[in-house]
Amino acid sequence: MKRYGGDTRLTLINLLRCEPQHQETLLSEHFQRSLAYVKQRLSLDVRLVNFDWHNNLKLLGSSNSIEGLWGLLAPGLLRCNLSEGEVDLVPAPAPPVSAAAAAAAAGSSSSSSSSASPSATEQVHSPSVQLGAGTLRACPSGEFAVPKVIAKQLGVFRFNCADSLDRTNICTFFFSMQLLLEMCTR
């Protein structure tokens, strides 16, 4: 949570079955009680969405279930914002020039004095491209990509299930598709 800052919102999507007669119901109830305890102790901004995937599929079909899940999650996603940025391309800096080569180039136009010229082991560097403490990546064109952050993500969504990766994967997939569409509209 520290990665995203103090205003981070966490949304947990519980895909476990919630029907009274099903075995997963007890696990779902324990999960909800545990979450309530953690929220109370740590003062976290956590939202729990219970979405019985299998029951919704049985009652509504796949298309309506996916729409129903997105209807529950979209408002939270929009409150959490998306990370957005731009990339500027800047020319690559000139490679470092040895002091001897710089002195030789300068020596043809002016007189040199041994006390004023740098030693042969010193390097004369052209300005480098830096962003904070990070390293910039060179593009195939020879330019450097300089990122600019416009907005930061303020939330995390986590899908929870027991033993069925199918539920987790399909819900994560459809959520990601909606997220991608949202990103493309910005």
C-alpha atoms as a PDB file:
ATOM      1  CA  MET A   1       0.000   0.000   0.000  1.00  0.00           C
ATOM      2  CA  LYS A   2       2.953   2.318   0.625  1.00  0.00           C
ATOM      3  CA  ARG A   3       3.861   2.052  -3.057  1.00  0.00           C
ATOM      4  CA  TYR A   4       0.782   4.031  -4.107  1.00  0.00           C
ATOM      5  CA  GLY A   5       0.724   6.592  -1.305  1.00  0.00           C
ATOM      6  CA  GLY A   6      -1.477   7.293   1.684  1.00  0.00           C
ATOM      7  CA  ASP A   7      -4.731   7.733  -0.257  1.00  0.00           C
ATOM      8  CA  THR A   8      -4.644   4.274  -1.796  1.00  0.00           C
ATOM      9  CA  ARG A   9      -7.945   2.465  -2.074  1.00  0.00           C
ATOM     10  CA  LEU A  10      -8.009  -1.312  -2.039  1.00  0.00           C
ATOM     11  CA  THR A  11     -10.929  -3.134  -3.634  1.00  0.00           C
ATOM     12  CA  LEU A  12     -11.230  -6.849  -2.971  1.00  0.00           C
ATOM     13  CA  ILE A  13     -13.544  -8.809  -5.228  1.00  0.00           C
ATOM     14  CA  ASN A  14     -14.705 -11.994  -3.525  1.00  0.00           C
ATOM     15  CA  LEU A  15     -15.704 -14.531  -6.194  1.00  0.00           C
ATOM     16  CA  LEU A  16     -16.493 -17.284  -3.702  1.00  0.00           C
ATOM     17  CA  ARG A  17     -19.918 -18.887  -3.622  1.00  0.00           C
ATOM     18  CA  CYS A  18     -22.229 -17.232  -1.103  1.00  0.00           C
ATOM     19  CA  GLU A  19     -25.192 -19.627  -1.251  1.00  0.00           C
ATOM     20  CA  PRO A  20     -26.151 -20.918   2.231  1.00  0.00           C
ATOM     21  CA  GLN A  21     -25.967 -24.581   1.203  1.00  0.00           C
ATOM     22  CA  HIS A  22     -22.540 -24.415  -0.464  1.00  0.00           C
ATOM     23  CA  GLN A  23     -19.210 -25.386   1.134  1.00  0.00           C
ATOM     24  CA  GLU A  24     -17.464 -22.159   0.059  1.00  0.00           C
ATOM     25  CA  THR A  25     -19.923 -20.052   2.054  1.00  0.00           C
ATOM     26  CA  LEU A  26     -18.097 -20.721   5.317  1.00  0.00           C
ATOM     27  CA  LEU A  27     -14.795 -19.698   3.721  1.00  0.00           C
ATOM     28  CA  SER A  28     -16.427 -16.550   2.334  1.00  0.00           C
ATOM     29  CA  GLU A  29     -17.821 -15.651   5.764  1.00  0.00           C
ATOM     30  CA  HIS A  30     -14.407 -16.141   7.403  1.00  0.00           C
ATOM     31  CA  PHE A  31     -12.813 -13.992   4.715  1.00  0.00           C
ATOM     32  CA  GLN A  32     -15.321 -11.199   5.365  1.00  0.00           C
ATOM     33  CA  ARG A  33     -14.845 -11.349   9.143  1.00  0.00           C
ATOM     34  CA  SER A  34     -11.060 -11.356   8.769  1.00  0.00           C
ATOM     35  CA  LEU A  35     -11.229  -8.359   6.478  1.00  0.00           C
ATOM     36  CA  ALA A  36     -13.436  -6.464   8.944  1.00  0.00           C
ATOM     37  CA  TYR A  37     -10.883  -7.176  11.687  1.00  0.00           C
ATOM     38  CA  VAL A  38      -7.943  -5.994   9.548  1.00  0.00           C
ATOM     39  CA  LYS A  39      -9.805  -2.837   8.478  1.00  0.00           C
ATOM     40  CA  GLN A  40     -10.528  -1.989  12.100  1.00  0.00           C
ATOM     41  CA  ARG A  41      -6.964  -2.597  13.291  1.00  0.00           C
ATOM     42  CA  LEU A  42      -5.097  -0.915  10.425  1.00  0.00           C
ATOM     43  CA  SER A  43      -7.557   1.806   9.415  1.00  0.00           C
ATOM     44  CA  LEU A  44      -7.366   0.807   5.755  1.00  0.00           C
ATOM     45  CA  ASP A  45      -9.638   2.086   3.013  1.00  0.00           C
ATOM     46  CA  VAL A  46     -10.787  -1.335   1.803  1.00  0.00           C
ATOM     47  CA  ARG A  47     -13.926  -2.036  -0.165  1.00  0.00           C
ATOM     48  CA  LEU A  48     -15.237  -5.589  -0.426  1.00  0.00           C
ATOM     49  CA  VAL A  49     -17.371  -6.639  -3.371  1.00  0.00           C
ATOM     50  CA  ASN A  50     -19.047 -10.044  -3.025  1.00  0.00           C
ATOM     51  CA  PHE A  51     -19.802 -11.474  -6.437  1.00  0.00           C
ATOM     52  CA  ASP A  52     -20.783 -15.136  -6.486  1.00  0.00           C
ATOM     53  CA  TRP A  53     -19.488 -15.852  -9.971  1.00  0.00           C
ATOM     54  CA  HIS A  54     -20.989 -19.328 -10.414  1.00  0.00           C
ATOM     55  CA  ASN A  55     -24.407 -18.341  -9.107  1.00  0.00           C
ATOM     56  CA  ASN A  56     -24.477 -15.246 -11.330  1.00  0.00           C
ATOM     57  CA  LEU A  57     -23.513 -17.347 -14.348  1.00  0.00           C
ATOM     58  CA  LYS A  58     -26.299 -19.799 -13.573  1.00  0.00           C
ATOM     59  CA  LEU A  59     -28.914 -17.064 -13.093  1.00  0.00           C
ATOM     60  CA  LEU A  60     -27.833 -14.427 -15.623  1.00  0.00           C
ATOM     61  CA  GLY A  61     -25.608 -16.090 -18.215  1.00  0.00           C
ATOM     62  CA  SER A  62     -22.059 -15.071 -19.041  1.00  0.00           C
ATOM     63  CA  SER A  63     -22.726 -11.796 -20.830  1.00  0.00           C
ATOM     64  CA  ASN A  64     -24.997 -10.384 -18.111  1.00  0.00           C
ATOM     65  CA  SER A  65     -22.666 -11.640 -15.368  1.00  0.00           C
ATOM     66  CA  ILE A  66     -19.733  -9.796 -16.912  1.00  0.00           C
ATOM     67  CA  GLU A  67     -21.807  -6.635 -17.296  1.00  0.00           C
ATOM     68  CA  GLY A  68     -22.982  -6.968 -13.688  1.00  0.00           C
ATOM     69  CA  LEU A  69     -19.425  -7.342 -12.413  1.00  0.00           C
ATOM     70  CA  TRP A  70     -18.259  -4.319 -14.394  1.00  0.00           C
ATOM     71  CA  GLY A  71     -21.243  -2.326 -13.115  1.00  0.00           C
ATOM     72  CA  LEU A  72     -20.088  -3.007  -9.555  1.00  0.00           C
ATOM     73  CA  LEU A  73     -16.420  -2.241 -10.215  1.00  0.00           C
ATOM     74  CA  ALA A  74     -16.481   0.694 -12.663  1.00  0.00           C
ATOM     75  CA  PRO A  75     -17.315   3.420 -10.112  1.00  0.00           C
ATOM     76  CA  GLY A  76     -14.447   2.297  -7.865  1.00  0.00           C
ATOM     77  CA  LEU A  77     -12.045   2.209 -10.777  1.00  0.00           C
ATOM     78  CA  LEU A  78     -12.936   5.730 -11.830  1.00  0.00           C
ATOM     79  CA  ARG A  79     -12.389   6.991  -8.252  1.00  0.00           C
ATOM     80  CA  CYS A  80      -8.983   5.302  -8.165  1.00  0.00           C
ATOM     81  CA  ASN A  81      -7.825   6.993 -11.344  1.00  0.00           C
ATOM     82  CA  LEU A  82      -5.364   5.475 -13.782  1.00  0.00           C
ATOM     83  CA  SER A  83      -1.671   6.054 -14.090  1.00  0.00           C
ATOM     84  CA  GLU A  84      -1.120   8.274 -17.091  1.00  0.00           C
ATOM     85  CA  GLY A  85       1.931   9.777 -18.633  1.00  0.00           C
ATOM     86  CA  GLU A  86       3.707  11.014 -21.702  1.00  0.00           C
ATOM     87  CA  VAL A  87       7.082  10.253 -23.166  1.00  0.00           C
ATOM     88  CA  ASP A  88       9.286  12.889 -24.748  1.00  0.00           C
ATOM     89  CA  LEU A  89      12.124  11.840 -27.012  1.00  0.00           C
ATOM     90  CA  VAL A  90      15.357  13.783 -26.579  1.00  0.00           C
ATOM     91  CA  PRO A  91      18.552  13.542 -28.585  1.00  0.00           C
ATOM     92  CA  ALA A  92      21.242  11.310 -27.169  1.00  0.00           C
ATOM     93  CA  PRO A  93      24.092  13.175 -25.476  1.00  0.00           C
ATOM     94  CA  ALA A  94      27.430  13.208 -27.239  1.00  0.00           C
ATOM     95  CA  PRO A  95      29.767  10.435 -26.065  1.00  0.00           C
ATOM     96  CA  PRO A  96      32.422  11.370 -23.498  1.00  0.00           C
ATOM     97  CA  VAL A  97      35.499  12.990 -25.016  1.00  0.00           C
ATOM     98  CA  SER A  98      38.935  12.366 -23.554  1.00  0.00           C
ATOM     99  CA  ALA A  99      40.758  15.376 -22.173  1.00  0.00           C
ATOM    100  CA  ALA A 100      43.591  14.850 -24.665  1.00  0.00           C
ATOM    101  CA  ALA A 101      41.210  14.872 -27.631  1.00  0.00           C
ATOM    102  CA  ALA A 102      39.419  17.959 -26.290  1.00  0.00           C
ATOM    103  CA  ALA A 103      42.768  19.714 -25.749  1.00  0.00           C
ATOM    104  CA  ALA A 104      43.966  18.735 -29.222  1.00  0.00           C
ATOM    105  CA  ALA A 105      40.787  20.112 -30.786  1.00  0.00           C
ATOM    106  CA  ALA A 106      41.002  23.293 -28.743  1.00  0.00           C
ATOM    107  CA  GLY A 107      44.793  23.571 -29.144  1.00  0.00           C
ATOM    108  CA  SER A 108      44.611  24.177 -32.867  1.00  0.00           C
ATOM    109  CA  SER A 109      42.732  27.437 -32.270  1.00  0.00           C
ATOM    110  CA  SER A 110      44.386  28.677 -29.078  1.00  0.00           C
ATOM    111  CA  SER A 111      47.625  28.289 -27.206  1.00  0.00           C
ATOM    112  CA  SER A 112      47.649  25.747 -24.439  1.00  0.00           C
ATOM    113  CA  SER A 113      49.413  25.869 -21.154  1.00  0.00           C
ATOM    114  CA  SER A 114      50.344  22.703 -19.305  1.00  0.00           C
ATOM    115  CA  SER A 115      48.870  23.974 -16.027  1.00  0.00           C
ATOM    116  CA  ALA A 116      45.483  24.820 -17.609  1.00  0.00           C
ATOM    117  CA  SER A 117      44.945  21.612 -19.578  1.00  0.00           C
ATOM    118  CA  PRO A 118      43.439  18.535 -17.928  1.00  0.00           C
ATOM    119  CA  SER A 119      45.500  15.374 -17.567  1.00  0.00           C
ATOM    120  CA  ALA A 120      45.128  12.598 -20.101  1.00  0.00           C
ATOM    121  CA  THR A 121      43.186  10.425 -17.630  1.00  0.00           C
ATOM    122  CA  GLU A 122      40.463  13.028 -16.956  1.00  0.00           C
ATOM    123  CA  GLN A 123      37.289  12.893 -19.018  1.00  0.00           C
ATOM    124  CA  VAL A 124      35.312  15.827 -20.355  1.00  0.00           C
ATOM    125  CA  HIS A 125      31.634  14.808 -20.406  1.00  0.00           C
ATOM    126  CA  SER A 126      28.826  16.361 -22.332  1.00  0.00           C
ATOM    127  CA  PRO A 127      25.584  16.942 -20.413  1.00  0.00           C
ATOM    128  CA  SER A 128      23.851  13.651 -19.684  1.00  0.00           C
ATOM    129  CA  VAL A 129      20.132  12.949 -19.772  1.00  0.00           C
ATOM    130  CA  GLN A 130      18.891  12.053 -16.280  1.00  0.00           C
ATOM    131  CA  LEU A 131      15.553  11.910 -14.533  1.00  0.00           C
ATOM    132  CA  GLY A 132      15.890  11.761 -10.775  1.00  0.00           C
ATOM    133  CA  ALA A 133      17.867   8.732  -9.771  1.00  0.00           C
ATOM    134  CA  GLY A 134      16.449   6.569 -12.567  1.00  0.00           C
ATOM    135  CA  THR A 135      18.073   5.409 -15.739  1.00  0.00           C
ATOM    136  CA  LEU A 136      16.552   6.438 -19.058  1.00  0.00           C
ATOM    137  CA  ARG A 137      16.227   3.934 -21.845  1.00  0.00           C
ATOM    138  CA  ALA A 138      17.752   4.518 -25.224  1.00  0.00           C
ATOM    139  CA  CYS A 139      15.379   4.073 -28.146  1.00  0.00           C
ATOM    140  CA  PRO A 140      16.411   2.258 -31.347  1.00  0.00           C
ATOM    141  CA  SER A 141      16.480   5.685 -33.044  1.00  0.00           C
ATOM    142  CA  GLY A 142      19.324   6.708 -30.738  1.00  0.00           C
ATOM    143  CA  GLU A 143      17.150   9.104 -28.762  1.00  0.00           C
ATOM    144  CA  PHE A 144      16.297   8.776 -25.080  1.00  0.00           C
ATOM    145  CA  ALA A 145      12.773   8.412 -23.700  1.00  0.00           C
ATOM    146  CA  VAL A 146      11.996  10.880 -20.921  1.00  0.00           C
ATOM    147  CA  PRO A 147       8.779   9.950 -19.069  1.00  0.00           C
ATOM    148  CA  LYS A 148       6.445  12.566 -17.631  1.00  0.00           C
ATOM    149  CA  VAL A 149       3.836  11.506 -15.050  1.00  0.00           C
ATOM    150  CA  ILE A 150       0.452  13.167 -15.520  1.00  0.00           C
ATOM    151  CA  ALA A 151      -1.652  11.174 -13.036  1.00  0.00           C
ATOM    152  CA  LYS A 152      -0.960   8.387 -10.564  1.00  0.00           C
ATOM    153  CA  GLN A 153      -3.043   5.355  -9.796  1.00  0.00           C
ATOM    154  CA  LEU A 154      -4.665   5.586  -6.389  1.00  0.00           C
ATOM    155  CA  GLY A 155      -6.080   2.106  -6.039  1.00  0.00           C
ATOM    156  CA  VAL A 156      -5.546  -1.614  -6.295  1.00  0.00           C
ATOM    157  CA  PHE A 157      -8.071  -4.277  -7.281  1.00  0.00           C
ATOM    158  CA  ARG A 158      -7.614  -7.867  -6.178  1.00  0.00           C
ATOM    159  CA  PHE A 159      -9.745 -10.832  -7.163  1.00  0.00           C
ATOM    160  CA  ASN A 160     -10.164 -13.526  -4.536  1.00  0.00           C
ATOM    161  CA  CYS A 161     -11.212 -17.108  -5.071  1.00  0.00           C
ATOM    162  CA  ALA A 162     -10.655 -20.485  -3.425  1.00  0.00           C
ATOM    163  CA  ASP A 163      -9.412 -23.130  -5.814  1.00  0.00           C
ATOM    164  CA  SER A 164     -10.796 -22.110  -9.162  1.00  0.00           C
ATOM    165  CA  LEU A 165      -8.350 -20.214 -11.303  1.00  0.00           C
ATOM    166  CA  ASP A 166     -11.017 -20.142 -13.986  1.00  0.00           C
ATOM    167  CA  ARG A 167     -13.101 -17.680 -11.973  1.00  0.00           C
ATOM    168  CA  THR A 168     -10.142 -15.500 -11.078  1.00  0.00           C
ATOM    169  CA  ASN A 169      -8.689 -15.536 -14.582  1.00  0.00           C
ATOM    170  CA  ILE A 170     -11.916 -14.837 -16.435  1.00  0.00           C
ATOM    171  CA  CYS A 171     -12.912 -11.996 -14.104  1.00  0.00           C
ATOM    172  CA  THR A 172      -9.421 -10.505 -14.227  1.00  0.00           C
ATOM    173  CA  PHE A 173      -9.454 -10.789 -18.023  1.00  0.00           C
ATOM    174  CA  PHE A 174     -12.787  -9.005 -18.464  1.00  0.00           C
ATOM    175  CA  PHE A 175     -11.866  -6.372 -15.892  1.00  0.00           C
ATOM    176  CA  SER A 176      -8.578  -5.790 -17.731  1.00  0.00           C
ATOM    177  CA  MET A 177     -10.400  -5.457 -21.055  1.00  0.00           C
ATOM    178  CA  GLN A 178     -12.662  -2.771 -19.596  1.00  0.00           C
ATOM    179  CA  LEU A 179      -9.630  -1.083 -18.079  1.00  0.00           C
ATOM    180  CA  LEU A 180      -7.883  -1.105 -21.454  1.00  0.00           C
ATOM    181  CA  LEU A 181     -10.942   0.490 -23.086  1.00  0.00           C
ATOM    182  CA  GLU A 182     -10.967   3.163 -20.394  1.00  0.00           C
ATOM    183  CA  MET A 183      -7.259   3.858 -20.987  1.00  0.00           C
ATOM    184  CA  CYS A 184      -7.787   4.137 -24.747  1.00  0.00           C
ATOM    185  CA  THR A 185     -10.492   6.768 -24.318  1.00  0.00           C
ATOM    186  CA  ARG A 186      -8.154   9.101 -22.431  1.00  0.00           C
END
